[in-house]
N, C-alpha and C. Protein backbone atom coordinates (compact mmCIF):
# COMPACT_ATOMS: atom_id res chain seq x y z
N UNK A 1 55.24 43.95 -136.33
CA UNK A 1 54.90 43.63 -134.77
C UNK A 1 54.75 45.22 -134.27
N UNK A 2 53.88 45.08 -133.34
CA UNK A 2 53.30 46.27 -132.73
C UNK A 2 54.00 46.35 -131.35
N UNK A 3 54.63 47.39 -130.75
CA UNK A 3 55.15 47.72 -129.53
C UNK A 3 54.31 47.34 -128.44
N UNK A 4 52.80 47.86 -128.49
CA UNK A 4 51.91 47.87 -127.75
C UNK A 4 51.18 46.06 -127.16
N UNK A 5 51.85 45.25 -128.15
CA UNK A 5 51.39 44.23 -127.89
C UNK A 5 52.52 43.48 -126.81
N UNK A 6 53.53 43.74 -126.75
CA UNK A 6 54.62 43.09 -125.91
C UNK A 6 55.20 43.91 -124.96
N UNK A 7 54.19 45.22 -124.56
CA UNK A 7 54.42 46.26 -123.43
C UNK A 7 53.14 46.33 -122.69
N UNK A 8 53.12 46.08 -121.19
CA UNK A 8 51.83 46.36 -120.99
C UNK A 8 52.28 47.39 -119.85
N UNK A 9 50.94 47.97 -119.36
CA UNK A 9 50.89 49.06 -118.15
C UNK A 9 51.56 48.61 -117.22
N UNK A 10 51.63 47.39 -116.72
CA UNK A 10 52.07 46.61 -115.33
C UNK A 10 53.74 46.83 -115.82
N UNK A 11 54.25 46.92 -117.05
CA UNK A 11 55.69 46.79 -117.16
C UNK A 11 56.24 48.20 -117.29
N UNK A 12 55.63 49.18 -117.11
CA UNK A 12 56.06 50.46 -117.01
C UNK A 12 56.38 51.27 -115.87
N UNK A 13 57.61 51.63 -115.69
CA UNK A 13 58.28 52.15 -114.26
C UNK A 13 58.29 53.56 -114.70
N UNK A 14 57.71 54.66 -113.95
CA UNK A 14 57.46 55.88 -114.62
C UNK A 14 58.67 56.74 -114.16
N UNK A 15 59.07 56.32 -112.61
CA UNK A 15 60.37 56.78 -112.17
C UNK A 15 61.32 55.88 -111.47
N UNK A 16 62.23 55.36 -112.21
CA UNK A 16 63.40 54.34 -111.79
C UNK A 16 63.94 54.86 -110.44
N UNK A 17 63.87 53.92 -109.39
CA UNK A 17 64.48 54.55 -108.06
C UNK A 17 65.82 54.27 -108.07
N UNK A 18 66.51 53.37 -109.03
CA UNK A 18 67.72 53.03 -109.03
C UNK A 18 68.80 53.66 -109.55
N UNK A 19 69.95 54.02 -108.79
CA UNK A 19 70.94 54.97 -109.35
C UNK A 19 72.01 54.33 -110.24
N UNK A 20 72.11 53.02 -110.32
CA UNK A 20 73.01 52.37 -111.15
C UNK A 20 72.68 51.54 -111.94
N UNK A 21 73.20 51.08 -113.15
CA UNK A 21 72.68 50.65 -114.15
C UNK A 21 72.42 49.08 -113.83
N UNK A 22 72.97 48.42 -112.52
CA UNK A 22 72.63 47.08 -112.27
C UNK A 22 71.16 47.29 -111.41
N UNK A 23 70.95 48.47 -110.77
CA UNK A 23 69.62 48.27 -109.91
C UNK A 23 68.55 48.76 -110.74
N UNK A 24 68.85 49.63 -111.92
CA UNK A 24 67.69 49.78 -112.74
C UNK A 24 67.40 48.41 -113.80
N UNK A 25 68.64 47.84 -113.66
CA UNK A 25 68.11 46.43 -114.57
C UNK A 25 67.14 45.59 -113.71
N UNK A 26 67.52 45.48 -112.46
CA UNK A 26 66.66 44.76 -111.46
C UNK A 26 65.49 45.13 -111.24
N UNK A 27 65.07 46.71 -111.40
CA UNK A 27 63.86 47.02 -111.58
C UNK A 27 63.00 46.46 -112.71
N UNK A 28 63.53 46.67 -113.53
CA UNK A 28 63.12 46.38 -114.81
C UNK A 28 62.71 44.80 -115.07
N UNK A 29 63.58 44.08 -114.41
CA UNK A 29 63.56 42.64 -114.39
C UNK A 29 62.28 42.36 -113.44
N UNK A 30 61.93 42.92 -112.45
CA UNK A 30 60.71 42.96 -111.65
C UNK A 30 59.39 43.33 -112.26
N UNK A 31 59.76 44.39 -113.12
CA UNK A 31 58.67 45.04 -114.09
C UNK A 31 58.14 43.97 -115.08
N UNK A 32 59.18 43.31 -115.44
CA UNK A 32 58.80 42.27 -116.64
C UNK A 32 57.92 41.28 -115.94
N UNK A 33 58.47 40.69 -114.91
CA UNK A 33 57.85 39.71 -114.24
C UNK A 33 56.35 40.12 -113.72
N UNK A 34 56.14 41.53 -113.55
CA UNK A 34 54.95 41.83 -112.85
C UNK A 34 54.02 41.78 -114.33
N UNK A 35 54.47 42.20 -115.53
CA UNK A 35 53.82 42.16 -116.49
C UNK A 35 53.72 40.83 -117.28
N UNK A 36 54.17 39.72 -116.80
CA UNK A 36 53.93 38.36 -116.91
C UNK A 36 54.80 37.77 -118.00
N UNK A 37 56.15 38.49 -118.37
CA UNK A 37 57.10 37.93 -118.90
C UNK A 37 57.71 36.46 -118.68
N UNK A 38 57.74 36.55 -117.33
CA UNK A 38 58.34 35.37 -116.55
C UNK A 38 58.02 34.77 -115.26
N UNK A 39 57.81 33.55 -115.02
CA UNK A 39 57.22 33.45 -113.45
C UNK A 39 58.28 34.05 -112.66
N UNK A 40 57.82 34.47 -111.47
CA UNK A 40 58.57 34.87 -110.41
C UNK A 40 60.07 34.13 -109.87
N UNK A 41 59.74 32.86 -110.17
CA UNK A 41 60.88 32.09 -109.82
C UNK A 41 62.27 32.00 -110.61
N UNK A 42 62.27 32.48 -111.87
CA UNK A 42 63.04 32.89 -112.73
C UNK A 42 63.70 34.25 -112.44
N UNK A 43 63.20 35.18 -111.37
CA UNK A 43 63.54 36.51 -111.13
C UNK A 43 65.20 36.53 -111.25
N UNK A 44 65.97 35.87 -110.65
CA UNK A 44 67.40 35.82 -110.32
C UNK A 44 67.92 35.25 -111.40
N UNK A 45 67.86 34.00 -112.24
CA UNK A 45 68.33 33.71 -113.55
C UNK A 45 67.96 35.10 -114.62
N UNK A 46 66.88 35.40 -114.69
CA UNK A 46 66.76 36.77 -115.80
C UNK A 46 67.54 37.97 -115.56
N UNK A 47 67.78 38.35 -113.92
CA UNK A 47 68.54 39.11 -113.63
C UNK A 47 69.92 38.88 -114.28
N UNK A 48 70.60 37.92 -113.76
CA UNK A 48 71.93 37.66 -113.97
C UNK A 48 72.28 37.58 -115.44
N UNK A 49 71.20 36.81 -116.12
CA UNK A 49 71.47 36.55 -117.67
C UNK A 49 71.51 38.47 -118.33
N UNK A 50 70.38 39.37 -117.83
CA UNK A 50 70.67 40.47 -118.48
C UNK A 50 72.20 41.24 -118.19
N UNK A 51 72.47 41.11 -116.96
CA UNK A 51 73.97 41.43 -116.36
C UNK A 51 75.11 40.85 -117.17
N UNK A 52 74.87 39.65 -117.47
CA UNK A 52 75.88 38.94 -118.10
C UNK A 52 75.95 39.50 -119.65
N UNK A 53 74.88 39.63 -120.33
CA UNK A 53 74.71 40.39 -121.70
C UNK A 53 75.35 41.69 -121.40
N UNK A 54 75.19 42.54 -120.56
CA UNK A 54 75.65 43.79 -120.50
C UNK A 54 77.28 43.88 -120.51
N UNK A 55 77.82 42.86 -119.87
CA UNK A 55 79.29 42.62 -119.74
C UNK A 55 79.67 42.37 -120.98
N UNK A 56 79.08 41.89 -122.17
CA UNK A 56 79.67 41.55 -123.44
C UNK A 56 79.75 42.63 -124.37
N UNK A 57 78.97 43.55 -123.97
CA UNK A 57 79.01 44.96 -124.58
C UNK A 57 77.60 45.60 -124.40
N UNK A 58 77.88 47.14 -124.14
CA UNK A 58 77.10 47.93 -123.66
C UNK A 58 75.67 48.06 -124.42
N UNK A 59 74.57 48.35 -123.74
CA UNK A 59 73.09 48.38 -124.44
C UNK A 59 73.00 49.65 -124.38
N UNK A 60 73.83 50.82 -123.88
CA UNK A 60 73.49 52.05 -123.91
C UNK A 60 73.78 52.50 -125.32
N UNK A 61 72.82 52.83 -126.15
CA UNK A 61 73.05 53.23 -127.60
C UNK A 61 72.96 54.62 -127.63
N UNK A 62 73.13 55.52 -126.78
CA UNK A 62 73.26 56.79 -127.03
C UNK A 62 71.86 57.53 -127.03
N UNK A 63 72.06 58.96 -126.91
CA UNK A 63 70.79 59.94 -127.17
C UNK A 63 69.87 59.67 -125.95
N UNK A 64 70.31 59.19 -124.98
CA UNK A 64 69.35 59.13 -123.79
C UNK A 64 68.61 57.77 -123.74
N UNK A 65 69.17 56.79 -124.35
CA UNK A 65 68.46 55.24 -124.36
C UNK A 65 69.45 54.29 -124.18
N UNK A 66 68.91 53.30 -123.11
CA UNK A 66 69.52 52.13 -123.35
C UNK A 66 68.36 50.84 -123.38
N UNK A 67 68.81 49.78 -123.96
CA UNK A 67 68.10 48.86 -124.59
C UNK A 67 68.78 47.50 -123.85
N UNK A 68 68.54 47.07 -122.68
CA UNK A 68 69.07 45.86 -122.38
C UNK A 68 68.18 44.65 -122.95
N UNK A 69 68.68 43.59 -123.31
CA UNK A 69 67.63 42.70 -123.84
C UNK A 69 68.78 41.12 -123.69
N UNK A 70 67.78 40.12 -123.42
CA UNK A 70 68.44 38.93 -123.12
C UNK A 70 67.37 37.91 -123.81
N UNK A 71 67.60 36.54 -124.06
CA UNK A 71 66.99 35.47 -124.66
C UNK A 71 67.21 34.40 -123.71
N UNK A 72 66.34 33.63 -123.00
CA UNK A 72 65.99 32.77 -122.03
C UNK A 72 65.29 31.51 -122.64
N UNK A 73 65.57 30.37 -122.44
CA UNK A 73 64.91 29.30 -122.64
C UNK A 73 63.50 28.97 -121.84
N UNK A 74 63.40 29.52 -120.94
CA UNK A 74 62.31 29.31 -119.85
C UNK A 74 61.56 30.68 -119.97
N UNK A 75 61.92 31.83 -120.62
CA UNK A 75 60.74 32.57 -120.67
C UNK A 75 59.59 32.08 -121.82
N UNK A 76 58.49 32.42 -121.26
CA UNK A 76 57.16 32.08 -122.17
C UNK A 76 56.68 32.91 -123.22
N UNK A 77 57.05 34.37 -123.16
CA UNK A 77 56.58 35.36 -124.45
C UNK A 77 57.78 36.31 -124.30
N UNK A 78 57.66 36.96 -125.29
CA UNK A 78 58.14 38.12 -125.65
C UNK A 78 57.55 39.38 -125.04
N UNK A 79 58.73 39.95 -124.32
CA UNK A 79 57.87 40.97 -123.63
C UNK A 79 59.07 42.46 -123.40
N UNK A 80 58.27 43.54 -123.18
CA UNK A 80 59.28 44.55 -123.05
C UNK A 80 58.92 45.37 -121.56
N UNK A 81 59.57 45.99 -120.83
CA UNK A 81 59.53 46.68 -119.49
C UNK A 81 60.06 47.89 -120.10
N UNK A 82 59.56 49.03 -119.60
CA UNK A 82 60.28 50.37 -119.74
C UNK A 82 60.10 51.30 -118.70
N UNK A 83 61.21 51.68 -118.57
CA UNK A 83 61.69 52.50 -117.23
C UNK A 83 62.14 53.95 -117.57
N UNK A 84 61.70 54.91 -116.82
CA UNK A 84 62.04 56.35 -117.15
C UNK A 84 62.69 56.86 -115.94
N UNK A 85 63.66 58.01 -116.28
CA UNK A 85 64.12 58.53 -114.90
C UNK A 85 64.65 59.77 -115.46
N UNK A 86 64.62 60.91 -114.60
CA UNK A 86 65.09 62.07 -114.70
C UNK A 86 66.37 62.24 -114.61
N UNK A 87 66.90 61.57 -113.68
CA UNK A 87 68.27 61.57 -113.28
C UNK A 87 69.24 60.93 -114.44
N UNK A 88 68.96 60.04 -115.00
CA UNK A 88 70.04 59.67 -115.94
C UNK A 88 70.90 58.56 -115.18
N UNK A 89 70.77 57.56 -116.18
CA UNK A 89 71.77 56.40 -115.37
C UNK A 89 72.88 55.77 -116.47
N UNK A 90 73.97 55.78 -115.81
CA UNK A 90 75.40 55.67 -116.53
C UNK A 90 75.02 54.13 -117.21
N UNK A 91 75.16 53.79 -118.32
CA UNK A 91 74.85 52.78 -119.02
C UNK A 91 76.36 52.58 -120.20
N UNK A 92 77.11 53.32 -119.72
CA UNK A 92 78.26 53.16 -120.49
C UNK A 92 78.09 53.48 -121.90
N UNK A 93 77.01 54.65 -122.15
CA UNK A 93 76.35 54.38 -123.73
C UNK A 93 77.70 54.95 -124.55
N UNK A 94 77.45 54.50 -125.88
CA UNK A 94 78.54 54.94 -127.01
C UNK A 94 78.78 56.31 -127.17
N UNK A 95 77.72 57.38 -126.86
CA UNK A 95 78.25 58.83 -126.77
C UNK A 95 78.23 59.49 -125.38
N UNK A 96 78.54 58.38 -124.51
CA UNK A 96 79.01 58.64 -123.09
C UNK A 96 78.15 59.73 -122.46
N UNK A 97 76.81 59.59 -122.62
CA UNK A 97 75.79 60.12 -121.93
C UNK A 97 74.79 59.30 -121.19
N UNK A 98 74.25 60.00 -120.08
CA UNK A 98 73.09 59.10 -119.57
C UNK A 98 72.04 58.49 -120.08
N UNK A 99 71.66 57.76 -119.80
CA UNK A 99 70.23 57.15 -120.20
C UNK A 99 69.22 57.68 -119.44
N UNK A 100 68.07 58.09 -119.75
CA UNK A 100 66.60 58.45 -119.67
C UNK A 100 65.91 57.55 -119.77
N UNK A 101 65.81 56.92 -120.80
CA UNK A 101 64.77 55.68 -121.35
C UNK A 101 65.31 54.53 -121.34
N UNK A 102 65.24 53.40 -120.36
CA UNK A 102 65.58 51.83 -120.54
C UNK A 102 64.59 51.19 -120.93
N UNK A 103 64.52 50.46 -122.03
CA UNK A 103 63.65 49.48 -122.48
C UNK A 103 64.36 48.17 -122.31
N UNK A 104 63.84 47.14 -121.60
CA UNK A 104 64.56 45.83 -121.37
C UNK A 104 63.61 44.86 -122.16
N UNK A 105 64.09 44.09 -123.01
CA UNK A 105 63.58 43.20 -123.79
C UNK A 105 64.03 42.04 -123.53
N UNK A 106 62.75 41.04 -123.20
CA UNK A 106 63.13 39.76 -122.58
C UNK A 106 62.12 38.68 -123.66
N UNK A 107 63.19 37.84 -124.43
CA UNK A 107 62.68 36.85 -125.62
C UNK A 107 62.76 35.48 -125.17
N UNK A 108 62.00 34.60 -125.49
CA UNK A 108 61.90 33.33 -125.47
C UNK A 108 63.42 32.95 -126.16
N UNK A 109 64.29 31.97 -125.93
CA UNK A 109 65.22 31.92 -126.78
C UNK A 109 65.28 31.01 -128.09
N UNK A 110 64.12 30.39 -128.14
CA UNK A 110 63.63 29.62 -129.21
C UNK A 110 62.92 30.62 -130.39
N UNK A 111 62.95 31.86 -129.96
CA UNK A 111 62.14 32.81 -131.16
C UNK A 111 63.43 34.00 -131.40
N UNK A 112 64.31 33.73 -131.88
CA UNK A 112 65.25 34.82 -132.29
C UNK A 112 64.80 35.65 -133.31
N UNK A 113 63.85 35.43 -134.42
CA UNK A 113 63.43 36.15 -135.20
C UNK A 113 62.48 37.25 -134.54
N UNK A 114 61.42 36.75 -133.63
CA UNK A 114 60.90 37.63 -133.05
C UNK A 114 61.46 38.64 -132.14
N UNK A 115 62.59 38.21 -131.52
CA UNK A 115 63.71 39.02 -130.79
C UNK A 115 64.21 40.24 -131.80
N UNK A 116 64.50 39.92 -132.93
CA UNK A 116 64.70 40.65 -133.78
C UNK A 116 63.92 41.94 -134.52
N UNK A 117 62.88 41.19 -134.71
CA UNK A 117 61.55 42.03 -134.86
C UNK A 117 61.44 43.29 -133.92
N UNK A 118 61.47 42.67 -132.85
CA UNK A 118 61.23 43.65 -131.50
C UNK A 118 62.31 45.02 -131.39
N UNK A 119 63.36 44.25 -131.65
CA UNK A 119 64.58 45.21 -131.59
C UNK A 119 64.32 46.14 -132.63
N UNK A 120 63.97 45.77 -133.96
CA UNK A 120 63.76 46.70 -135.05
C UNK A 120 62.64 47.79 -134.80
N UNK A 121 61.47 47.34 -134.37
CA UNK A 121 60.52 48.17 -133.87
C UNK A 121 61.21 49.28 -132.54
N UNK A 122 61.80 48.65 -131.59
CA UNK A 122 62.20 49.48 -130.46
C UNK A 122 62.90 50.59 -131.07
N UNK A 123 64.01 50.34 -131.79
CA UNK A 123 64.99 51.03 -132.32
C UNK A 123 64.45 51.99 -132.95
N UNK A 124 63.58 51.66 -134.18
CA UNK A 124 62.32 52.68 -135.15
C UNK A 124 61.64 53.69 -134.16
N UNK A 125 61.29 53.46 -133.19
CA UNK A 125 60.72 54.49 -132.37
C UNK A 125 61.49 55.16 -131.66
N UNK A 126 62.50 54.85 -130.51
CA UNK A 126 63.53 55.26 -129.97
C UNK A 126 64.62 56.41 -130.85
N UNK A 127 64.61 56.01 -132.04
CA UNK A 127 65.31 56.52 -132.76
C UNK A 127 65.11 58.22 -133.43
N UNK A 128 63.86 58.10 -132.89
CA UNK A 128 63.12 59.45 -133.28
C UNK A 128 63.02 60.53 -131.96
N UNK A 129 63.67 61.48 -132.29
CA UNK A 129 63.82 62.47 -130.90
C UNK A 129 62.59 62.98 -130.52
N UNK A 130 61.39 63.11 -131.47
CA UNK A 130 60.22 63.51 -130.98
C UNK A 130 59.40 62.70 -130.35
N UNK A 131 59.72 61.37 -130.51
CA UNK A 131 59.07 60.08 -129.65
C UNK A 131 59.99 60.05 -128.01
N UNK A 132 61.14 60.17 -128.20
CA UNK A 132 61.89 60.40 -126.91
C UNK A 132 61.47 61.38 -126.18
N UNK A 133 61.18 62.45 -126.65
CA UNK A 133 60.79 63.84 -125.89
C UNK A 133 59.63 63.50 -125.39
N UNK A 134 58.74 62.96 -126.18
CA UNK A 134 57.28 62.82 -125.99
C UNK A 134 56.95 61.81 -124.67
N UNK A 135 57.85 60.81 -124.70
CA UNK A 135 58.04 59.65 -123.63
C UNK A 135 58.45 60.02 -122.48
N UNK A 136 59.37 61.03 -122.54
CA UNK A 136 59.73 61.60 -121.15
C UNK A 136 59.06 62.81 -120.54
N UNK A 137 58.12 63.04 -121.16
CA UNK A 137 57.22 63.89 -121.02
C UNK A 137 55.70 63.50 -120.36
N UNK A 138 55.46 62.16 -120.44
CA UNK A 138 54.67 61.34 -119.95
C UNK A 138 54.57 61.37 -118.40
N UNK A 139 53.46 61.61 -117.90
CA UNK A 139 53.20 61.68 -116.36
C UNK A 139 52.70 60.20 -115.87
N UNK A 140 52.24 59.47 -116.73
CA UNK A 140 51.45 58.35 -116.03
C UNK A 140 51.70 57.13 -117.25
N UNK A 141 51.39 55.61 -116.86
CA UNK A 141 51.74 54.69 -117.38
C UNK A 141 50.36 54.72 -118.62
N UNK A 142 49.47 55.14 -118.30
CA UNK A 142 48.45 55.27 -119.29
C UNK A 142 48.70 55.96 -120.19
N UNK A 143 49.41 57.20 -120.12
CA UNK A 143 49.90 58.23 -121.10
C UNK A 143 50.85 57.33 -121.94
N UNK A 144 51.83 56.80 -121.41
CA UNK A 144 52.67 55.93 -122.12
C UNK A 144 52.25 54.95 -123.10
N UNK A 145 51.23 54.22 -122.60
CA UNK A 145 50.49 53.16 -123.36
C UNK A 145 49.69 53.98 -124.54
N UNK A 146 49.02 54.81 -124.25
CA UNK A 146 48.47 55.77 -125.33
C UNK A 146 49.38 56.15 -126.28
N UNK A 147 50.60 56.77 -125.90
CA UNK A 147 51.54 57.24 -127.01
C UNK A 147 52.12 56.08 -127.98
N UNK A 148 52.08 55.15 -127.11
CA UNK A 148 52.91 53.99 -127.86
C UNK A 148 51.79 53.36 -128.90
N UNK A 149 50.48 53.19 -128.48
CA UNK A 149 49.43 52.55 -129.25
C UNK A 149 49.42 53.57 -130.54
N UNK A 150 49.35 54.69 -130.34
CA UNK A 150 49.61 55.87 -131.24
C UNK A 150 50.60 55.66 -132.16
N UNK A 151 51.94 55.60 -131.81
CA UNK A 151 53.00 55.23 -132.72
C UNK A 151 52.99 53.86 -133.33
N UNK A 152 52.35 52.77 -132.86
CA UNK A 152 52.32 51.48 -133.56
C UNK A 152 51.30 51.94 -134.87
N UNK A 153 50.15 52.56 -134.49
CA UNK A 153 49.30 52.89 -135.34
C UNK A 153 49.84 53.72 -136.94
N UNK A 154 50.98 54.54 -136.42
CA UNK A 154 51.51 55.35 -137.40
C UNK A 154 52.57 54.66 -137.92
N UNK A 155 53.25 53.58 -137.52
CA UNK A 155 54.06 52.56 -137.81
C UNK A 155 53.64 51.84 -138.71
N UNK A 156 52.28 51.24 -138.47
CA UNK A 156 51.92 50.35 -139.35
C UNK A 156 51.07 50.82 -140.38
N UNK A 157 50.57 51.90 -140.61
CA UNK A 157 50.11 52.78 -141.81
C UNK A 157 50.93 53.64 -142.38
N UNK A 158 52.28 53.67 -142.18
CA UNK A 158 53.39 54.30 -142.96
C UNK A 158 54.14 53.55 -144.11
């Protein structure tokens, strides 16, 4: 699976405005909808589902990264929205550090295997300090996409 197949430029938020986890999740839900993950009519249901998932267990995985994720039956396709922030957001991360990179994974409920494959790719990339650093240095959504396409190429040829 290639991350560039499930992340579009329209789903990249270069400078998250939110100051709280819930505000940031709202921004990324909106970016997911803008990128075609779900119809606008599902916005509130998607937002509530992501918040409900967060209440079960934090998706702040440490190293400045949070990966909120949700599976919904009415979602048409697997997609990722990516948000960056210089301020850092409290996601109650396991290392007690703020998140600077937030990736929201939205999946159709009927495709759990694809959801797991996407999580595997996301964590493979975000597990590399050099990838996280380069991602935070990007200035535009185009640069983010170029970097992810390159990472996909390296992942598939490794």
